[in-house]
Amino acid sequence: MYVLHIKKIIRNPAIIIPIIFMFALSIYYLFFYSGGYESYLQGALCKLLLAVPYVFFCFLFISYEIFHSYCKNEVHESLCTNRISIKYQRYDFYILFVLDSMITLLFIAYQIRFYYGMGYSMKPLIWYSLKVAIIFWGLVILLGIIIGWGLSGIQNKLVGMSLLLAVFYLFDRPFLQLLMGISQGRLPACNFATLFCIFTSAEPGAITDTYYLMSAEHVHLFRILFWIFLMLFLLFQVAKNKAAVLWGIAAIVCLILFFQPTGASYSLPVINRFDRWHAEQFYYDNAYTGDSIVSTKTDMEDFNITAYDIDFWVDDILNAKALLKISDRNLDQYCFTLYHCYHVTNVVDQKGEKLRYQQKGDYLTVYPSNGELSEVTIEYKGASQYFYSTGQGIMLPANFEYYPIAGKRTTFVYNNYNTCFSREVAGHNAEFDVTVYYKGDLKVYSNLSEKEAARKGKYRYIRYKSTSDGMTIVGSPYLLEKEIDQVRVIYSQLEHDNNPTRKDNMEELRDFFETLEELGHPLYNKTFIIAPENNLQNYCFSENHIFNQIFGAKEQAIQYYKYGKLYDEPDEEDRDLMDQAEDMFQ
């Protein structure tokens, strides 16, 4: 039976020519297309993802032609009551699925070969390549096959081909730009628009950094599975097959899971205002207008937190339970700063009694019941897409309020001269006892001292306990730790420009350490965590560690330790020019 179907495909020029073109296109991107991607690690991924829309359309067309030619067969038409027969057409589907698998395996093999050629052979990178190939390549092609199959039942070929083009438009850039133009300023509508990003979310610009690479989190899997199950539902419904109900239920489940909160971090260069960076500006532009966006000052706290005992569970979202010991026990209310993406679910005092609280934007106000408050336990969960914390990677610097900090503090600086996350740390020391539970192959590091590492059920965990004025937690399968001039340096082994083992980078790093010594703030016996390359100028200076990139760290340290500046402040001449430009635009 398979031989007959293969012969039918080979003998049809309208089918075999696109197949040859598709493989030629893939080989072109694999071996001949340059685009400047060969010089860095993500180059293989970039090149292959550029070909996805073209290969998708090829399979869309090939699938349509194969199944449409079946519909012309009078013998088969006499055997079924409609133009789509799951039973008799399944052999053509299996052949197309094998073609999909072959080209996906070619994708995987090329990535692995590319990584080995650059000297990277770690198992997590190979497993990551497999996940990316399945989500952004194999399943996308499978969707094209199913859509082509469904549209093949349309007798008028002109109408069928027109619908093929319409389907491609549905997932291509112009339609996505149109959706974003309509939904701009409406966060739920923007969330819905990303449901159509099966191409754009896989573009080279979606690769974030060398801790995380490109997001291969569950949200992308749920997106593509929703479309596959939806198309299968429609296909089986037209074929009057009872299995349509099951496919419909599966599509609804995937849609619900897709809209669940996630820390998946990615950039969408075409769809502005919906990548990990623009999402923050979107929030401060539209959803919340508080003091935190107009001031770089920190309000004086009415109390201090003397000790933290926190458990973090890292998954698609971050779950946390934080016990805080309070210095002043007799206030009417206690204000904490906790980033708005983390939603408080429970607050209790030292007796276990529930407390009344109010969470608005980046601020949490807790109202104690009768009696003094010596301890408060806050449970919360959520996900930030910029400072991510998922099973794929963790980047939670000390200047980011992913754990409650006393007082009403600046979180995001947004004025005429700066657009960035606030760079201040807590400002006073506290005792930290922190346990991080995580899955997978992550290597988790912190500026705090490690006390214990083991496994508990499906989670691995690592416990930190020490005194500090801020806590940074980073995690990635690719992180390494190295001591350089008595400084503990943590970095990604996938780094190139910020790899401290390179000779020129080592010289830059040692010059930075000498500058700190001259400024009276040596980093000896402390920790320097090298931030991911696509960090958009987020950095912080703590008493026992620095979170920054190598290049630019020296100048920023001089500005901070010598002049007390963490933000850009133009001189008088530049300020006058900027004011004149602003008046002209107004």
Protein backbone atom coordinates (compact mmCIF):
# COMPACT_ATOMS: atom_id res chain seq x y z
CA MET A 1 0.00 0.00 0.00
CA TYR A 2 2.80 2.39 0.91
CA VAL A 3 4.60 1.66 -2.37
CA LEU A 4 1.53 2.66 -4.35
CA HIS A 5 1.21 5.92 -2.46
CA ILE A 6 4.91 6.71 -2.87
CA LYS A 7 4.69 6.05 -6.62
CA LYS A 8 1.69 8.37 -6.81
CA ILE A 9 3.73 11.12 -5.17
CA ILE A 10 6.81 10.60 -7.36
CA ARG A 11 4.78 10.64 -10.58
CA ASN A 12 3.08 13.95 -9.75
CA PRO A 13 5.34 16.90 -10.74
CA ALA A 14 3.19 19.29 -8.68
CA ILE A 15 4.23 17.30 -5.58
CA ILE A 16 7.76 16.09 -6.24
CA ILE A 17 9.08 19.49 -7.40
CA PRO A 18 8.11 21.26 -4.12
CA ILE A 19 9.62 18.37 -2.14
CA ILE A 20 12.93 18.74 -3.98
CA PHE A 21 12.77 22.52 -3.53
CA MET A 22 12.11 22.12 0.19
CA PHE A 23 15.12 19.88 0.77
CA ALA A 24 17.27 22.14 -1.40
CA LEU A 25 16.15 25.14 0.65
CA SER A 26 17.02 23.36 3.89
CA ILE A 27 20.45 22.36 2.59
CA TYR A 28 21.04 25.94 1.44
CA TYR A 29 20.38 27.31 4.92
CA LEU A 30 22.44 24.54 6.49
CA PHE A 31 25.58 24.64 4.38
CA PHE A 32 25.64 27.71 2.12
CA TYR A 33 23.78 30.57 3.79
CA SER A 34 26.05 32.71 5.93
CA GLY A 35 24.41 35.88 7.21
CA GLY A 36 27.22 36.26 9.75
CA TYR A 37 25.77 33.54 11.99
CA GLU A 38 28.75 31.18 11.99
CA SER A 39 30.79 33.26 14.40
CA TYR A 40 28.66 32.77 17.49
CA LEU A 41 26.98 29.92 19.32
CA GLN A 42 23.37 30.63 18.40
CA GLY A 43 24.26 30.87 14.72
CA ALA A 44 23.08 27.35 13.84
CA LEU A 45 19.74 27.94 15.51
CA CYS A 46 19.30 31.31 13.82
CA LYS A 47 19.95 29.95 10.35
CA LEU A 48 17.57 27.04 10.71
CA LEU A 49 14.77 29.07 12.22
CA LEU A 50 14.95 31.52 9.34
CA ALA A 51 13.88 28.68 7.03
CA VAL A 52 10.83 27.63 9.10
CA PRO A 53 8.17 29.79 7.33
CA TYR A 54 9.32 28.66 3.87
CA VAL A 55 9.41 24.98 4.76
CA PHE A 56 6.02 25.32 6.49
CA PHE A 57 4.50 26.71 3.29
CA CYS A 58 6.12 23.95 1.20
CA PHE A 59 4.57 21.25 3.37
CA LEU A 60 1.26 23.12 3.36
CA PHE A 61 1.24 23.03 -0.45
CA ILE A 62 2.56 19.47 -0.75
CA SER A 63 -0.01 18.16 1.70
CA TYR A 64 -2.81 19.92 -0.13
CA GLU A 65 -1.72 18.52 -3.50
CA ILE A 66 -1.34 14.94 -2.24
CA PHE A 67 -4.73 14.78 -0.53
CA HIS A 68 -6.51 16.80 -3.22
CA SER A 69 -5.33 14.33 -5.87
CA TYR A 70 -6.80 11.57 -3.69
CA CYS A 71 -10.17 13.35 -3.72
CA LYS A 72 -10.23 13.13 -7.52
CA ASN A 73 -10.04 9.36 -7.42
CA GLU A 74 -13.51 8.13 -8.38
CA VAL A 75 -12.99 4.73 -6.72
CA HIS A 76 -12.22 6.32 -3.39
CA GLU A 77 -15.06 8.81 -3.78
CA SER A 78 -17.48 5.95 -4.16
CA LEU A 79 -16.24 4.40 -0.94
CA CYS A 80 -16.85 7.42 1.30
CA THR A 81 -19.60 9.93 1.79
CA ASN A 82 -17.33 12.97 1.90
CA ARG A 83 -14.13 14.16 0.33
CA ILE A 84 -11.97 13.46 3.40
CA SER A 85 -11.49 9.88 4.56
CA ILE A 86 -9.19 9.34 7.56
CA LYS A 87 -9.10 5.61 6.95
CA TYR A 88 -7.98 5.67 3.32
CA GLN A 89 -5.82 8.80 3.44
CA ARG A 90 -3.77 7.87 6.49
CA TYR A 91 -1.02 6.29 4.36
CA ASP A 92 -0.30 9.62 2.65
CA PHE A 93 -0.22 11.27 6.08
CA TYR A 94 2.32 8.71 7.34
CA ILE A 95 4.56 9.39 4.34
CA LEU A 96 4.42 13.13 4.97
CA PHE A 97 5.11 12.56 8.66
CA VAL A 98 8.24 10.58 7.74
CA LEU A 99 9.38 13.48 5.54
CA ASP A 100 8.78 15.84 8.46
CA SER A 101 10.81 13.58 10.77
CA MET A 102 13.66 13.32 8.27
CA ILE A 103 14.03 17.06 7.88
CA THR A 104 13.73 17.56 11.65
CA LEU A 105 16.49 15.00 12.26
CA LEU A 106 18.60 16.86 9.70
CA PHE A 107 18.01 20.01 11.74
CA ILE A 108 19.07 18.31 14.97
CA ALA A 109 22.16 16.73 13.41
CA TYR A 110 23.31 20.07 12.01
CA GLN A 111 22.91 21.81 15.38
CA ILE A 112 24.88 19.13 17.20
CA ARG A 113 27.60 19.18 14.54
CA PHE A 114 27.76 22.96 14.80
CA TYR A 115 28.10 22.88 18.61
CA TYR A 116 30.79 20.21 18.49
CA GLY A 117 32.65 22.28 15.91
CA MET A 118 32.71 25.20 18.34
CA GLY A 119 33.90 22.98 21.17
CA TYR A 120 30.59 22.57 23.02
CA SER A 121 29.56 18.98 23.72
CA MET A 122 27.60 19.18 26.99
CA LYS A 123 24.52 16.97 27.24
CA PRO A 124 22.09 19.78 28.27
CA LEU A 125 22.87 21.60 25.03
CA ILE A 126 22.11 18.48 23.00
CA TRP A 127 18.83 17.95 24.85
CA TYR A 128 17.98 21.60 24.31
CA SER A 129 18.60 21.20 20.57
CA LEU A 130 16.17 18.30 20.50
CA LYS A 131 13.44 20.30 22.26
CA VAL A 132 13.85 23.29 19.96
CA ALA A 133 13.76 21.07 16.88
CA ILE A 134 10.51 19.41 17.97
CA ILE A 135 8.70 22.58 19.10
CA PHE A 136 9.80 25.13 16.50
CA TRP A 137 10.39 22.85 13.53
CA GLY A 138 8.83 19.38 13.63
CA LEU A 139 5.48 20.35 15.13
CA VAL A 140 5.18 23.48 12.98
CA ILE A 141 5.64 21.35 9.84
CA LEU A 142 3.14 18.83 11.20
CA LEU A 143 0.62 21.65 11.54
CA GLY A 144 1.18 22.54 7.87
CA ILE A 145 0.54 18.93 6.87
CA ILE A 146 -2.74 18.76 8.80
CA ILE A 147 -3.99 22.11 7.48
CA GLY A 148 -3.20 21.08 3.89
CA TRP A 149 -5.07 17.82 4.49
CA GLY A 150 -8.11 19.65 5.80
CA LEU A 151 -8.24 22.13 2.92
CA SER A 152 -7.85 19.38 0.32
CA GLY A 153 -11.53 18.57 0.68
CA ILE A 154 -12.44 21.81 -1.11
CA GLN A 155 -13.30 20.82 -4.68
CA ASN A 156 -12.51 24.18 -6.28
CA LYS A 157 -8.72 24.28 -6.45
CA LEU A 158 -8.58 28.06 -6.84
CA VAL A 159 -10.50 28.48 -3.59
CA GLY A 160 -8.28 25.87 -1.91
CA MET A 161 -5.06 27.59 -2.96
CA SER A 162 -6.42 30.94 -1.86
CA LEU A 163 -7.12 29.50 1.58
CA LEU A 164 -3.56 28.13 1.73
CA LEU A 165 -2.25 31.66 1.25
CA ALA A 166 -4.73 32.97 3.83
CA VAL A 167 -3.50 30.41 6.39
CA PHE A 168 0.10 31.40 5.78
CA TYR A 169 -0.86 35.07 6.17
CA LEU A 170 -2.53 34.20 9.47
CA PHE A 171 0.84 33.25 10.97
CA ASP A 172 3.06 35.67 9.05
CA ARG A 173 4.40 39.10 10.00
CA PRO A 174 1.83 41.42 8.36
CA PHE A 175 -1.10 39.85 10.21
CA LEU A 176 0.80 39.87 13.51
CA GLN A 177 1.64 43.53 13.06
CA LEU A 178 -2.02 44.23 12.34
CA LEU A 179 -3.08 42.39 15.51
CA MET A 180 -0.60 44.31 17.60
CA GLY A 181 -1.74 47.61 16.12
CA ILE A 182 -5.32 46.82 17.07
CA SER A 183 -4.50 45.46 20.53
CA GLN A 184 -1.93 48.06 21.56
CA GLY A 185 -2.75 49.28 25.05
CA ARG A 186 -4.85 46.20 25.82
CA LEU A 187 -2.80 43.59 27.64
CA PRO A 188 -5.27 40.65 27.26
CA ALA A 189 -5.52 41.34 23.52
CA CYS A 190 -1.73 41.36 23.23
CA ASN A 191 -1.62 38.02 25.04
CA PHE A 192 -4.12 36.62 22.56
CA ALA A 193 -2.07 37.91 19.61
CA THR A 194 0.94 35.84 20.68
CA LEU A 195 -1.14 32.74 20.02
CA PHE A 196 -0.39 33.29 16.31
CA CYS A 197 3.39 33.60 16.77
CA ILE A 198 4.46 30.19 15.52
CA PHE A 199 7.03 31.84 13.19
CA THR A 200 7.92 35.12 14.86
CA SER A 201 8.57 33.63 18.28
CA ALA A 202 11.21 31.45 16.63
CA GLU A 203 13.12 34.22 14.86
CA PRO A 204 16.79 34.85 15.63
CA GLY A 205 15.84 37.88 17.72
CA ALA A 206 13.96 35.57 20.07
CA ILE A 207 17.26 34.20 21.39
CA THR A 208 17.74 35.96 24.67
CA ASP A 209 21.10 35.26 26.28
CA THR A 210 23.74 32.65 27.05
CA TYR A 211 22.12 31.61 30.34
CA TYR A 212 18.82 30.86 28.68
CA LEU A 213 19.33 30.73 24.90
CA MET A 214 15.93 30.81 23.17
CA SER A 215 12.90 29.91 25.24
CA ALA A 216 11.80 26.30 24.80
CA GLU A 217 9.40 26.43 27.73
CA HIS A 218 6.01 24.74 27.85
CA VAL A 219 4.13 27.83 26.66
CA HIS A 220 5.49 27.38 23.12
CA LEU A 221 4.58 23.69 23.15
CA PHE A 222 1.02 24.48 24.25
CA ARG A 223 0.71 27.11 21.49
CA ILE A 224 1.60 24.78 18.63
CA LEU A 225 -0.30 21.82 20.11
CA PHE A 226 -3.42 23.98 20.35
CA TRP A 227 -3.31 24.67 16.61
CA ILE A 228 -2.56 21.04 15.78
CA PHE A 229 -5.42 19.71 17.91
CA LEU A 230 -7.78 22.40 16.63
CA MET A 231 -7.03 21.47 13.01
CA LEU A 232 -7.40 17.77 13.83
CA PHE A 233 -10.76 18.50 15.41
CA LEU A 234 -11.96 20.29 12.27
CA LEU A 235 -10.51 17.57 10.03
CA PHE A 236 -12.16 14.72 11.93
CA GLN A 237 -15.38 16.70 12.20
CA VAL A 238 -15.56 17.10 8.41
CA ALA A 239 -14.74 13.40 8.03
CA LYS A 240 -17.57 12.63 10.48
CA ASN A 241 -15.20 10.72 12.74
CA LYS A 242 -16.15 10.34 16.44
CA ALA A 243 -12.55 11.04 17.52
CA ALA A 244 -13.22 14.72 16.72
CA VAL A 245 -14.56 15.21 20.25
CA LEU A 246 -11.27 14.07 21.81
CA TRP A 247 -9.24 16.40 19.59
CA GLY A 248 -11.55 19.28 20.50
CA ILE A 249 -11.10 18.66 24.22
CA ALA A 250 -7.32 18.44 23.77
CA ALA A 251 -7.33 21.79 21.92
CA ILE A 252 -9.30 23.47 24.72
CA VAL A 253 -6.92 22.09 27.38
CA CYS A 254 -3.86 23.35 25.48
CA LEU A 255 -5.47 26.76 25.02
CA ILE A 256 -6.09 27.03 28.77
CA LEU A 257 -2.53 25.95 29.54
CA PHE A 258 -1.17 28.45 27.01
CA PHE A 259 -2.77 31.36 28.86
CA GLN A 260 -1.43 30.24 32.25
CA PRO A 261 1.26 32.52 33.75
CA THR A 262 4.76 31.60 32.72
CA GLY A 263 8.26 32.91 33.14
CA ALA A 264 9.23 31.94 29.60
CA SER A 265 11.55 34.70 28.42
CA TYR A 266 11.79 35.64 24.77
CA SER A 267 11.97 38.57 22.39
CA LEU A 268 9.61 39.23 19.51
CA PRO A 269 11.42 41.70 17.23
CA VAL A 270 8.44 42.12 14.91
CA ILE A 271 5.76 42.34 17.55
CA ASN A 272 6.90 45.37 19.49
CA ARG A 273 5.82 45.78 23.11
CA PHE A 274 5.52 42.11 23.72
CA ASP A 275 8.98 40.83 24.31
CA ARG A 276 10.53 40.48 27.73
CA TRP A 277 11.78 44.07 27.82
CA HIS A 278 8.89 45.93 26.22
CA ALA A 279 6.40 44.11 28.42
CA GLU A 280 7.80 46.03 31.40
CA GLN A 281 7.47 49.37 29.63
CA PHE A 282 3.97 48.37 28.54
CA TYR A 283 3.06 47.83 32.20
CA TYR A 284 4.43 51.15 33.41
CA ASP A 285 2.99 53.02 30.43
CA ASN A 286 -0.54 51.68 30.78
CA ALA A 287 -1.29 49.47 33.73
CA TYR A 288 0.21 51.32 36.67
CA THR A 289 1.21 54.90 37.36
CA GLY A 290 2.82 55.13 40.77
CA ASP A 291 5.70 56.92 42.45
CA SER A 292 8.10 54.17 41.43
CA ILE A 293 8.30 55.41 37.83
CA VAL A 294 9.04 59.05 38.56
CA SER A 295 11.61 58.83 41.33
CA THR A 296 14.95 57.13 41.78
CA LYS A 297 14.87 57.61 45.56
CA THR A 298 14.04 55.02 48.17
CA ASP A 299 11.54 55.97 50.85
CA MET A 300 12.85 55.67 54.39
CA GLU A 301 11.68 52.42 55.90
CA ASP A 302 9.75 52.54 59.16
CA PHE A 303 11.24 49.15 60.01
CA ASN A 304 13.92 46.72 58.95
CA ILE A 305 13.87 43.03 58.09
CA THR A 306 16.56 41.43 60.22
CA ALA A 307 16.30 37.89 58.86
CA TYR A 308 14.83 35.96 55.94
CA ASP A 309 13.86 32.29 55.84
CA ILE A 310 12.66 31.65 52.27
CA ASP A 311 11.77 28.59 50.23
CA PHE A 312 11.65 29.05 46.43
CA TRP A 313 10.15 26.47 44.07
CA VAL A 314 11.29 27.12 40.50
CA ASP A 315 9.08 25.80 37.70
CA ASP A 316 7.11 27.50 34.91
CA ILE A 317 6.33 30.04 37.61
CA LEU A 318 8.08 30.90 40.88
CA ASN A 319 6.40 29.81 44.12
CA ALA A 320 7.75 31.26 47.34
CA LYS A 321 7.17 31.13 51.08
CA ALA A 322 9.08 33.85 52.93
CA LEU A 323 9.29 34.19 56.71
CA LEU A 324 10.49 37.68 57.66
CA LYS A 325 11.71 38.77 61.09
CA ILE A 326 10.72 42.37 61.77
CA SER A 327 12.78 44.94 63.74
CA ASP A 328 9.96 47.30 64.86
CA ARG A 329 7.00 45.33 66.23
CA ASN A 330 4.45 48.03 66.98
CA LEU A 331 3.45 49.71 63.72
CA ASP A 332 -0.10 50.12 62.44
CA GLN A 333 0.93 48.84 59.04
CA TYR A 334 3.99 47.44 57.32
CA CYS A 335 4.78 48.31 53.71
CA PHE A 336 6.90 45.98 51.58
CA THR A 337 8.11 46.17 48.01
CA LEU A 338 7.38 43.04 45.98
CA TYR A 339 7.39 43.14 42.21
CA HIS A 340 3.90 43.26 40.69
CA CYS A 341 4.26 40.01 38.74
CA TYR A 342 4.29 38.07 42.03
CA HIS A 343 0.81 37.69 43.49
CA VAL A 344 0.44 37.23 47.25
CA THR A 345 -1.78 34.30 48.24
CA ASN A 346 -1.44 34.24 52.04
CA VAL A 347 -0.03 36.35 54.90
CA VAL A 348 0.19 35.12 58.51
CA ASP A 349 1.87 36.35 61.70
CA GLN A 350 4.16 34.54 64.14
CA LYS A 351 1.12 32.77 65.68
CA GLY A 352 -0.11 31.49 62.34
CA GLU A 353 -3.06 33.88 62.29
CA LYS A 354 -4.05 35.31 58.92
CA LEU A 355 -3.42 39.02 58.45
CA ARG A 356 -5.22 41.53 56.28
CA TYR A 357 -3.14 42.83 53.39
CA GLN A 358 -3.40 44.96 50.27
CA GLN A 359 -1.30 44.49 47.15
CA LYS A 360 -1.21 47.32 44.64
CA GLY A 361 1.35 47.43 41.89
CA ASP A 362 4.81 46.85 43.31
CA TYR A 363 3.77 47.44 46.92
CA LEU A 364 2.32 45.19 49.60
CA THR A 365 0.81 46.62 52.79
CA VAL A 366 0.26 44.26 55.73
CA TYR A 367 -2.04 45.20 58.61
CA PRO A 368 -1.21 43.44 61.90
CA SER A 369 -3.95 42.22 64.22
CA ASN A 370 -3.99 42.97 67.94
CA GLY A 371 -0.58 42.71 69.53
CA GLU A 372 2.96 43.15 68.26
CA LEU A 373 4.24 41.68 65.00
CA SER A 374 7.65 40.03 65.31
CA GLU A 375 7.42 37.75 62.28
CA VAL A 376 5.35 37.66 59.11
CA THR A 377 5.13 34.83 56.58
CA ILE A 378 4.21 35.81 53.01
CA GLU A 379 3.30 33.23 50.38
CA TYR A 380 3.27 34.31 46.75
CA LYS A 381 3.67 33.04 43.21
CA GLY A 382 4.13 34.47 39.74
CA ALA A 383 6.52 34.97 36.87
CA SER A 384 8.62 37.76 35.46
CA GLN A 385 9.68 37.37 31.84
CA TYR A 386 12.65 39.70 32.10
CA PHE A 387 14.14 38.44 35.37
CA TYR A 388 13.20 34.87 34.60
CA SER A 389 12.98 31.86 36.88
CA THR A 390 12.00 28.65 35.10
CA GLY A 391 13.29 25.14 34.65
CA GLN A 392 15.39 26.45 31.75
CA GLY A 393 17.20 29.25 33.54
CA ILE A 394 17.24 31.63 36.51
CA MET A 395 18.27 35.28 36.57
CA LEU A 396 17.18 36.98 39.82
CA PRO A 397 19.61 39.79 40.72
CA ALA A 398 19.67 41.49 44.11
CA ASN A 399 18.26 44.77 42.75
CA PHE A 400 15.07 43.00 41.67
CA GLU A 401 12.36 42.67 44.32
CA TYR A 402 11.56 39.01 43.82
CA TYR A 403 11.48 38.70 47.61
CA PRO A 404 9.82 41.23 49.98
CA ILE A 405 11.96 44.20 50.96
CA ALA A 406 11.06 46.66 53.71
CA GLY A 407 9.65 50.04 52.69
CA LYS A 408 8.27 51.56 49.55
CA ARG A 409 11.13 51.39 47.08
CA THR A 410 11.71 52.38 43.50
CA THR A 411 11.36 49.39 41.17
CA PHE A 412 11.54 50.84 37.66
CA VAL A 413 13.21 54.10 36.67
CA TYR A 414 11.40 55.75 33.79
CA ASN A 415 12.23 59.40 33.10
CA ASN A 416 13.72 61.60 30.38
CA TYR A 417 17.20 60.21 30.88
CA ASN A 418 16.80 56.59 32.06
CA THR A 419 14.58 53.65 31.29
CA CYS A 420 15.77 50.72 33.37
CA PHE A 421 15.14 48.65 36.45
CA SER A 422 16.26 50.28 39.67
CA ARG A 423 19.81 49.28 40.58
CA GLU A 424 19.77 49.76 44.36
CA VAL A 425 20.02 46.78 46.70
CA ALA A 426 18.39 46.55 50.14
CA GLY A 427 20.66 49.02 51.91
CA HIS A 428 21.20 47.05 55.13
CA ASN A 429 22.32 43.56 56.05
CA ALA A 430 20.03 40.70 56.98
CA GLU A 431 20.48 37.04 57.84
CA PHE A 432 19.47 34.86 54.87
CA ASP A 433 18.44 31.22 55.09
CA VAL A 434 17.24 30.37 51.58
CA THR A 435 16.39 27.05 49.93
CA VAL A 436 15.92 26.87 46.15
CA TYR A 437 14.00 23.86 44.77
CA TYR A 438 14.42 23.27 41.04
CA LYS A 439 14.19 20.61 38.34
CA GLY A 440 16.34 19.54 35.44
CA ASP A 441 20.01 20.16 34.72
CA LEU A 442 20.29 23.63 36.21
CA LYS A 443 23.47 24.67 38.00
CA VAL A 444 22.32 27.17 40.62
CA TYR A 445 24.62 29.78 42.16
CA SER A 446 24.25 32.69 44.56
CA ASN A 447 26.34 35.31 46.31
CA LEU A 448 25.27 33.59 49.55
CA SER A 449 27.29 30.73 50.99
CA GLU A 450 26.13 27.25 50.04
CA LYS A 451 25.31 24.99 52.97
CA GLU A 452 23.55 21.97 51.56
CA ALA A 453 22.60 20.43 48.22
CA ALA A 454 20.47 17.29 47.76
CA ARG A 455 17.27 15.94 46.18
CA LYS A 456 13.74 15.93 47.58
CA GLY A 457 11.15 14.06 45.49
CA LYS A 458 11.04 15.40 41.92
CA TYR A 459 13.02 18.50 42.95
CA ARG A 460 16.68 19.04 43.57
CA TYR A 461 17.42 21.69 46.14
CA ILE A 462 20.26 23.85 47.32
CA ARG A 463 20.36 25.76 50.61
CA TYR A 464 22.18 29.04 51.23
CA LYS A 465 22.81 30.69 54.58
CA SER A 466 24.78 33.87 55.22
CA THR A 467 24.58 37.61 55.89
CA SER A 468 24.18 40.08 53.02
CA ASP A 469 22.50 43.31 51.93
CA GLY A 470 21.03 41.59 48.88
CA MET A 471 20.55 38.16 47.35
CA THR A 472 21.27 37.19 43.74
CA ILE A 473 20.31 33.75 42.40
CA VAL A 474 21.32 32.59 38.93
CA GLY A 475 20.86 29.23 37.29
CA SER A 476 21.64 27.61 33.96
CA PRO A 477 22.95 24.26 32.71
CA TYR A 478 25.91 26.17 31.29
CA LEU A 479 27.20 28.08 34.33
CA LEU A 480 30.73 27.68 35.65
CA GLU A 481 32.56 28.96 38.71
CA LYS A 482 36.19 30.08 38.58
CA GLU A 483 38.47 31.84 41.06
CA ILE A 484 40.37 34.73 39.49
CA ASP A 485 42.74 36.74 41.75
CA GLN A 486 40.87 35.48 44.85
CA VAL A 487 37.56 36.61 43.37
CA ARG A 488 34.80 34.04 42.86
CA VAL A 489 33.61 34.56 39.27
CA ILE A 490 30.41 32.95 37.98
CA TYR A 491 29.77 32.99 34.23
CA SER A 492 28.19 31.04 31.38
CA GLN A 493 30.55 28.77 29.49
CA LEU A 494 28.57 29.66 26.35
CA GLU A 495 29.71 33.27 26.68
CA HIS A 496 32.14 34.69 24.15
CA ASP A 497 32.35 38.45 24.61
CA ASN A 498 32.09 38.14 28.41
CA ASN A 499 34.07 34.95 28.93
CA PRO A 500 36.61 35.74 31.67
CA THR A 501 39.02 33.01 30.50
CA ARG A 502 39.79 34.89 27.28
CA LYS A 503 43.07 36.80 27.48
CA ASP A 504 41.64 40.23 26.63
CA ASN A 505 38.69 39.72 28.96
CA MET A 506 40.99 38.56 31.76
CA GLU A 507 43.00 41.78 31.44
CA GLU A 508 39.80 43.83 31.48
CA LEU A 509 38.57 41.96 34.54
CA ARG A 510 41.82 42.44 36.47
CA ASP A 511 41.82 46.12 35.62
CA PHE A 512 38.28 46.28 37.04
CA PHE A 513 39.41 44.55 40.25
CA GLU A 514 42.33 46.99 40.63
CA THR A 515 39.96 49.93 40.18
CA LEU A 516 37.72 48.58 42.95
CA GLU A 517 40.77 48.28 45.21
CA GLU A 518 41.74 51.91 44.50
CA LEU A 519 38.19 53.02 45.28
CA GLY A 520 38.31 51.26 48.63
CA HIS A 521 35.88 48.51 47.65
CA PRO A 522 37.92 45.42 46.80
CA LEU A 523 36.07 42.34 45.61
CA TYR A 524 38.60 39.89 47.06
CA ASN A 525 36.99 36.83 48.67
CA LYS A 526 33.70 38.01 47.25
CA THR A 527 31.64 37.17 44.18
CA PHE A 528 31.42 38.68 40.72
CA ILE A 529 28.46 37.27 38.77
CA ILE A 530 28.78 38.00 35.06
CA ALA A 531 25.35 38.96 33.76
CA PRO A 532 24.00 37.41 30.52
CA GLU A 533 25.02 39.20 27.34
CA ASN A 534 21.53 40.52 26.52
CA ASN A 535 21.10 42.19 29.90
CA LEU A 536 20.06 45.71 28.79
CA GLN A 537 22.28 47.50 31.27
CA ASN A 538 20.94 45.95 34.44
CA TYR A 539 23.57 45.79 37.16
CA CYS A 540 23.93 46.19 40.92
CA PHE A 541 26.64 46.67 43.53
CA SER A 542 26.30 44.84 46.84
CA GLU A 543 28.61 44.59 49.84
CA ASN A 544 29.60 41.03 49.02
CA HIS A 545 29.02 40.76 45.27
CA ILE A 546 28.56 42.56 41.96
CA PHE A 547 26.16 41.55 39.20
CA ASN A 548 27.36 43.04 35.92
CA GLN A 549 29.06 42.37 32.61
CA ILE A 550 32.81 42.72 32.19
CA PHE A 551 32.81 45.60 29.72
CA GLY A 552 31.49 48.81 31.22
CA ALA A 553 31.74 47.54 34.80
CA LYS A 554 34.81 49.67 35.56
CA GLU A 555 33.20 52.95 34.47
CA GLN A 556 29.98 52.12 36.32
CA ALA A 557 31.90 51.28 39.48
CA ILE A 558 33.71 54.62 39.35
CA GLN A 559 30.40 56.45 38.92
CA TYR A 560 28.86 54.58 41.83
CA TYR A 561 31.66 54.39 44.39
CA LYS A 562 33.22 57.79 43.61
CA TYR A 563 30.20 59.93 42.74
CA GLY A 564 27.29 57.94 44.17
CA LYS A 565 25.54 57.72 40.78
CA LEU A 566 23.72 54.65 39.49
CA TYR A 567 21.83 56.43 36.73
CA ASP A 568 22.58 58.74 33.82
CA GLU A 569 22.48 62.41 34.72
CA PRO A 570 23.32 64.64 31.75
CA ASP A 571 25.40 67.76 32.32
CA GLU A 572 23.81 71.20 32.13
CA GLU A 573 24.51 71.70 28.40
CA ASP A 574 23.05 68.32 27.44
CA ARG A 575 20.07 68.92 29.70
CA ASP A 576 19.31 72.25 27.98
CA LEU A 577 19.49 70.60 24.55
CA MET A 578 17.16 67.81 25.66
CA ASP A 579 14.69 70.30 27.12
CA GLN A 580 14.70 72.29 23.87
CA ALA A 581 14.09 69.12 21.86
CA GLU A 582 11.21 68.18 24.17
CA ASP A 583 9.66 71.66 23.77
CA MET A 584 9.89 71.35 19.97
CA PHE A 585 8.06 67.99 19.99
CA GLN A 586 5.36 69.37 22.27
